[in-house]
Amino acid sequence: MNMFDLLYEWLQNWNGTIEKIELKPDLSGTIGTGKVLFRASDALWSREKDENGNDRPNKVTDGPYLFRTKTGRLGMIWTSWVYDVYTQGVAYSQSGTLDGPWIQEKQPVTPPDYGHGMLFSTFDDKPLMCIHSHKNINGRYLRIPHLFEVDLSGDKLIVGKPYTP
């Protein structure tokens, strides 16, 4: 098996997946087979229109990022679309492990037009989310970085107001 055999995404299966696979200790390849954790269609908020204008689940899964709340709950932020708007959602592992099952929140976790989020803490321990939006400037599709305050003190990720240092 070569690395191109592992490249399989929503363009091929029309229902994107978030998957896991074990890596070799030296990171030179994989061990065993992958496991689907969830599909794009599992999230009620991830929607699109088909060629006839009918509502259906969106097919895109993108930019997963794992985190734990202060209570130890395992979560994952990930990106898809709500029709033509880039959107960040969140799922939580019911078992507390990567194997899930993963339960999708019913609503996106950020305002519209944000995706590819990552969580981090400042040097003074303030939790933040780094995320980007999009802007079309003279035909160029640009990504604009943003910071949001987040609260991880309970069982859920709560995204707050934009953060300006």
C-alpha atoms as a PDB file:
ATOM      1  CA  MET A   1       0.000   0.000   0.000  1.00  0.00           C
ATOM      2  CA  ASN A   2       1.353   3.452  -0.821  1.00  0.00           C
ATOM      3  CA  MET A   3       0.354   6.749   0.768  1.00  0.00           C
ATOM      4  CA  PHE A   4      -1.960   7.625  -2.151  1.00  0.00           C
ATOM      5  CA  ASP A   5      -4.125   4.605  -1.281  1.00  0.00           C
ATOM      6  CA  LEU A   6      -4.845   6.344   2.023  1.00  0.00           C
ATOM      7  CA  LEU A   7      -6.087   9.553   0.375  1.00  0.00           C
ATOM      8  CA  TYR A   8      -9.833   9.113   0.334  1.00  0.00           C
ATOM      9  CA  GLU A   9     -12.211  11.895   1.179  1.00  0.00           C
ATOM     10  CA  TRP A  10     -15.605  13.385   0.444  1.00  0.00           C
ATOM     11  CA  LEU A  11     -14.724  13.914  -3.231  1.00  0.00           C
ATOM     12  CA  GLN A  12     -14.759  10.132  -3.628  1.00  0.00           C
ATOM     13  CA  ASN A  13     -17.481   9.020  -1.212  1.00  0.00           C
ATOM     14  CA  TRP A  14     -19.811  12.096  -1.180  1.00  0.00           C
ATOM     15  CA  ASN A  15     -20.234  11.771   2.603  1.00  0.00           C
ATOM     16  CA  GLY A  16     -16.977  12.912   4.207  1.00  0.00           C
ATOM     17  CA  THR A  17     -15.584  11.041   7.171  1.00  0.00           C
ATOM     18  CA  ILE A  18     -13.410  11.759  10.169  1.00  0.00           C
ATOM     19  CA  GLU A  19     -11.281   8.664  10.696  1.00  0.00           C
ATOM     20  CA  LYS A  20      -8.462   7.377  12.859  1.00  0.00           C
ATOM     21  CA  ILE A  21      -5.559   5.086  12.084  1.00  0.00           C
ATOM     22  CA  GLU A  22      -2.569   4.032  14.185  1.00  0.00           C
ATOM     23  CA  LEU A  23       0.849   5.286  13.086  1.00  0.00           C
ATOM     24  CA  LYS A  24       4.133   3.406  13.265  1.00  0.00           C
ATOM     25  CA  PRO A  25       6.376   4.574  16.137  1.00  0.00           C
ATOM     26  CA  ASP A  26       8.726   6.290  13.664  1.00  0.00           C
ATOM     27  CA  LEU A  27       5.739   7.889  11.830  1.00  0.00           C
ATOM     28  CA  SER A  28       6.843   6.307   8.524  1.00  0.00           C
ATOM     29  CA  GLY A  29       3.481   4.699   7.830  1.00  0.00           C
ATOM     30  CA  THR A  30       0.370   3.169   9.322  1.00  0.00           C
ATOM     31  CA  ILE A  31      -0.466   0.037  11.263  1.00  0.00           C
ATOM     32  CA  GLY A  32      -3.673  -1.868  10.575  1.00  0.00           C
ATOM     33  CA  THR A  33      -6.741  -0.319   9.046  1.00  0.00           C
ATOM     34  CA  GLY A  34      -8.534   2.934   9.725  1.00  0.00           C
ATOM     35  CA  LYS A  35     -11.805   3.337  11.579  1.00  0.00           C
ATOM     36  CA  VAL A  36     -14.563   5.819  10.744  1.00  0.00           C
ATOM     37  CA  LEU A  37     -15.379   7.977  13.784  1.00  0.00           C
ATOM     38  CA  PHE A  38     -18.258   9.868  12.138  1.00  0.00           C
ATOM     39  CA  ARG A  39     -19.579  11.155   8.813  1.00  0.00           C
ATOM     40  CA  ALA A  40     -20.552  14.621   7.590  1.00  0.00           C
ATOM     41  CA  SER A  41     -24.186  13.516   7.405  1.00  0.00           C
ATOM     42  CA  ASP A  42     -24.187  12.841  11.179  1.00  0.00           C
ATOM     43  CA  ALA A  43     -24.331  16.592  11.897  1.00  0.00           C
ATOM     44  CA  LEU A  44     -27.791  18.165  11.518  1.00  0.00           C
ATOM     45  CA  TRP A  45     -26.276  21.631  10.971  1.00  0.00           C
ATOM     46  CA  SER A  46     -24.091  20.552   8.005  1.00  0.00           C
ATOM     47  CA  ARG A  47     -26.437  21.146   5.027  1.00  0.00           C
ATOM     48  CA  GLU A  48     -26.427  21.778   1.281  1.00  0.00           C
ATOM     49  CA  LYS A  49     -28.802  21.845  -1.675  1.00  0.00           C
ATOM     50  CA  ASP A  50     -28.716  19.148  -4.351  1.00  0.00           C
ATOM     51  CA  GLU A  51     -28.935  19.900  -8.090  1.00  0.00           C
ATOM     52  CA  ASN A  52     -32.757  20.156  -7.793  1.00  0.00           C
ATOM     53  CA  GLY A  53     -32.636  22.564  -4.852  1.00  0.00           C
ATOM     54  CA  ASN A  54     -33.577  19.939  -2.278  1.00  0.00           C
ATOM     55  CA  ASP A  55     -32.086  20.105   1.193  1.00  0.00           C
ATOM     56  CA  ARG A  56     -29.612  17.325   2.095  1.00  0.00           C
ATOM     57  CA  PRO A  57     -26.667  16.686   4.416  1.00  0.00           C
ATOM     58  CA  ASN A  58     -23.433  18.349   3.333  1.00  0.00           C
ATOM     59  CA  LYS A  59     -20.616  16.026   2.275  1.00  0.00           C
ATOM     60  CA  VAL A  60     -17.571  17.932   3.627  1.00  0.00           C
ATOM     61  CA  THR A  61     -15.578  17.061   6.752  1.00  0.00           C
ATOM     62  CA  ASP A  62     -12.505  19.207   7.283  1.00  0.00           C
ATOM     63  CA  GLY A  63     -10.000  20.399   9.879  1.00  0.00           C
ATOM     64  CA  PRO A  64     -10.687  18.181  12.935  1.00  0.00           C
ATOM     65  CA  TYR A  65      -9.078  19.247  16.210  1.00  0.00           C
ATOM     66  CA  LEU A  66      -9.343  17.307  19.490  1.00  0.00           C
ATOM     67  CA  PHE A  67      -9.622  18.942  22.925  1.00  0.00           C
ATOM     68  CA  ARG A  68     -10.672  18.205  26.500  1.00  0.00           C
ATOM     69  CA  THR A  69     -12.840  20.349  28.704  1.00  0.00           C
ATOM     70  CA  LYS A  70     -11.777  21.039  32.306  1.00  0.00           C
ATOM     71  CA  THR A  71     -14.142  18.213  33.359  1.00  0.00           C
ATOM     72  CA  GLY A  72     -12.204  15.799  31.101  1.00  0.00           C
ATOM     73  CA  ARG A  73     -14.818  15.489  28.362  1.00  0.00           C
ATOM     74  CA  LEU A  74     -13.271  14.700  24.961  1.00  0.00           C
ATOM     75  CA  GLY A  75     -14.453  16.938  22.142  1.00  0.00           C
ATOM     76  CA  MET A  76     -13.621  17.570  18.516  1.00  0.00           C
ATOM     77  CA  ILE A  77     -14.162  20.731  16.523  1.00  0.00           C
ATOM     78  CA  TRP A  78     -14.449  20.251  12.768  1.00  0.00           C
ATOM     79  CA  THR A  79     -15.501  22.221   9.730  1.00  0.00           C
ATOM     80  CA  SER A  80     -18.173  21.777   7.061  1.00  0.00           C
ATOM     81  CA  TRP A  81     -20.687  24.034   5.338  1.00  0.00           C
ATOM     82  CA  VAL A  82     -24.182  25.329   6.019  1.00  0.00           C
ATOM     83  CA  TYR A  83     -25.268  25.709   2.403  1.00  0.00           C
ATOM     84  CA  ASP A  84     -22.670  28.159   1.042  1.00  0.00           C
ATOM     85  CA  VAL A  85     -21.259  29.309   4.402  1.00  0.00           C
ATOM     86  CA  TYR A  86     -18.101  27.792   5.927  1.00  0.00           C
ATOM     87  CA  THR A  87     -18.990  26.636   9.457  1.00  0.00           C
ATOM     88  CA  GLN A  88     -17.348  25.168  12.590  1.00  0.00           C
ATOM     89  CA  GLY A  89     -19.156  22.449  14.534  1.00  0.00           C
ATOM     90  CA  VAL A  90     -18.356  20.336  17.568  1.00  0.00           C
ATOM     91  CA  ALA A  91     -18.867  16.706  18.556  1.00  0.00           C
ATOM     92  CA  TYR A  92     -18.270  14.967  21.900  1.00  0.00           C
ATOM     93  CA  SER A  93     -17.154  11.408  22.556  1.00  0.00           C
ATOM     94  CA  GLN A  94     -19.751   9.560  24.604  1.00  0.00           C
ATOM     95  CA  SER A  95     -17.131   7.060  25.841  1.00  0.00           C
ATOM     96  CA  GLY A  96     -14.463   9.676  26.523  1.00  0.00           C
ATOM     97  CA  THR A  97     -12.120   7.937  24.061  1.00  0.00           C
ATOM     98  CA  LEU A  98     -11.278   8.474  20.407  1.00  0.00           C
ATOM     99  CA  ASP A  99     -13.490   5.485  19.537  1.00  0.00           C
ATOM    100  CA  GLY A 100     -16.641   7.409  20.548  1.00  0.00           C
ATOM    101  CA  PRO A 101     -19.430   7.126  19.678  1.00  0.00           C
ATOM    102  CA  TRP A 102     -19.301  10.797  18.662  1.00  0.00           C
ATOM    103  CA  ILE A 103     -22.397  12.868  19.380  1.00  0.00           C
ATOM    104  CA  GLN A 104     -22.790  15.969  17.219  1.00  0.00           C
ATOM    105  CA  GLU A 105     -24.059  19.222  18.682  1.00  0.00           C
ATOM    106  CA  LYS A 106     -27.229  20.355  16.915  1.00  0.00           C
ATOM    107  CA  GLN A 107     -25.924  23.857  16.151  1.00  0.00           C
ATOM    108  CA  PRO A 108     -22.550  25.180  14.949  1.00  0.00           C
ATOM    109  CA  VAL A 109     -20.188  26.339  17.696  1.00  0.00           C
ATOM    110  CA  THR A 110     -19.038  29.583  16.020  1.00  0.00           C
ATOM    111  CA  PRO A 111     -20.766  32.363  14.102  1.00  0.00           C
ATOM    112  CA  PRO A 112     -21.159  31.763  10.332  1.00  0.00           C
ATOM    113  CA  ASP A 113     -18.138  31.952   8.003  1.00  0.00           C
ATOM    114  CA  TYR A 114     -15.504  30.566  10.365  1.00  0.00           C
ATOM    115  CA  GLY A 115     -13.629  27.257  10.125  1.00  0.00           C
ATOM    116  CA  HIS A 116     -10.407  25.300  10.704  1.00  0.00           C
ATOM    117  CA  GLY A 117     -10.327  26.116  14.419  1.00  0.00           C
ATOM    118  CA  MET A 118      -7.624  25.219  16.902  1.00  0.00           C
ATOM    119  CA  LEU A 119      -7.585  25.776  20.665  1.00  0.00           C
ATOM    120  CA  PHE A 120      -4.668  27.036  22.714  1.00  0.00           C
ATOM    121  CA  SER A 121      -3.906  28.973  25.901  1.00  0.00           C
ATOM    122  CA  THR A 122      -2.044  32.243  26.159  1.00  0.00           C
ATOM    123  CA  PHE A 123       1.035  32.514  28.397  1.00  0.00           C
ATOM    124  CA  ASP A 124      -1.275  33.722  31.184  1.00  0.00           C
ATOM    125  CA  ASP A 125      -3.581  30.676  30.712  1.00  0.00           C
ATOM    126  CA  LYS A 126      -6.432  32.366  28.818  1.00  0.00           C
ATOM    127  CA  PRO A 127      -8.064  29.781  26.512  1.00  0.00           C
ATOM    128  CA  LEU A 128      -8.564  30.971  22.918  1.00  0.00           C
ATOM    129  CA  MET A 129      -9.662  29.623  19.564  1.00  0.00           C
ATOM    130  CA  CYS A 130      -7.701  30.541  16.447  1.00  0.00           C
ATOM    131  CA  ILE A 131      -9.931  30.249  13.384  1.00  0.00           C
ATOM    132  CA  HIS A 132     -10.259  31.790   9.946  1.00  0.00           C
ATOM    133  CA  SER A 133     -12.936  33.345   7.794  1.00  0.00           C
ATOM    134  CA  HIS A 134     -12.920  33.986   4.042  1.00  0.00           C
ATOM    135  CA  LYS A 135     -13.030  37.086   1.941  1.00  0.00           C
ATOM    136  CA  ASN A 136     -13.065  37.522  -1.830  1.00  0.00           C
ATOM    137  CA  ILE A 137     -10.899  40.517  -2.708  1.00  0.00           C
ATOM    138  CA  ASN A 138     -10.642  41.295  -6.420  1.00  0.00           C
ATOM    139  CA  GLY A 139     -11.236  37.654  -7.331  1.00  0.00           C
ATOM    140  CA  ARG A 140      -8.729  36.309  -4.802  1.00  0.00           C
ATOM    141  CA  TYR A 141     -10.054  33.997  -2.099  1.00  0.00           C
ATOM    142  CA  LEU A 142      -8.289  35.079   1.108  1.00  0.00           C
ATOM    143  CA  ARG A 143      -8.336  33.507   4.566  1.00  0.00           C
ATOM    144  CA  ILE A 144      -8.534  35.991   7.429  1.00  0.00           C
ATOM    145  CA  PRO A 145      -7.326  34.773  10.878  1.00  0.00           C
ATOM    146  CA  HIS A 146      -9.386  35.544  14.002  1.00  0.00           C
ATOM    147  CA  LEU A 147      -9.161  34.830  17.730  1.00  0.00           C
ATOM    148  CA  PHE A 148     -12.163  34.084  19.955  1.00  0.00           C
ATOM    149  CA  GLU A 149     -12.356  33.705  23.711  1.00  0.00           C
ATOM    150  CA  VAL A 150     -13.501  30.238  24.772  1.00  0.00           C
ATOM    151  CA  ASP A 151     -14.753  28.695  27.979  1.00  0.00           C
ATOM    152  CA  LEU A 152     -13.776  25.078  28.633  1.00  0.00           C
ATOM    153  CA  SER A 153     -14.581  25.089  32.364  1.00  0.00           C
ATOM    154  CA  GLY A 154     -17.723  22.946  32.067  1.00  0.00           C
ATOM    155  CA  ASP A 155     -18.686  19.947  29.937  1.00  0.00           C
ATOM    156  CA  LYS A 156     -18.918  21.886  26.668  1.00  0.00           C
ATOM    157  CA  LEU A 157     -16.858  24.262  24.589  1.00  0.00           C
ATOM    158  CA  ILE A 158     -18.437  27.705  24.688  1.00  0.00           C
ATOM    159  CA  VAL A 159     -17.173  30.205  22.138  1.00  0.00           C
ATOM    160  CA  GLY A 160     -17.298  33.774  23.392  1.00  0.00           C
ATOM    161  CA  LYS A 161     -16.553  37.169  21.953  1.00  0.00           C
ATOM    162  CA  PRO A 162     -13.758  37.987  19.521  1.00  0.00           C
ATOM    163  CA  TYR A 163     -10.423  38.435  21.294  1.00  0.00           C
ATOM    164  CA  THR A 164      -8.200  41.435  20.623  1.00  0.00           C
ATOM    165  CA  PRO A 165      -4.879  41.401  22.494  1.00  0.00           C
END
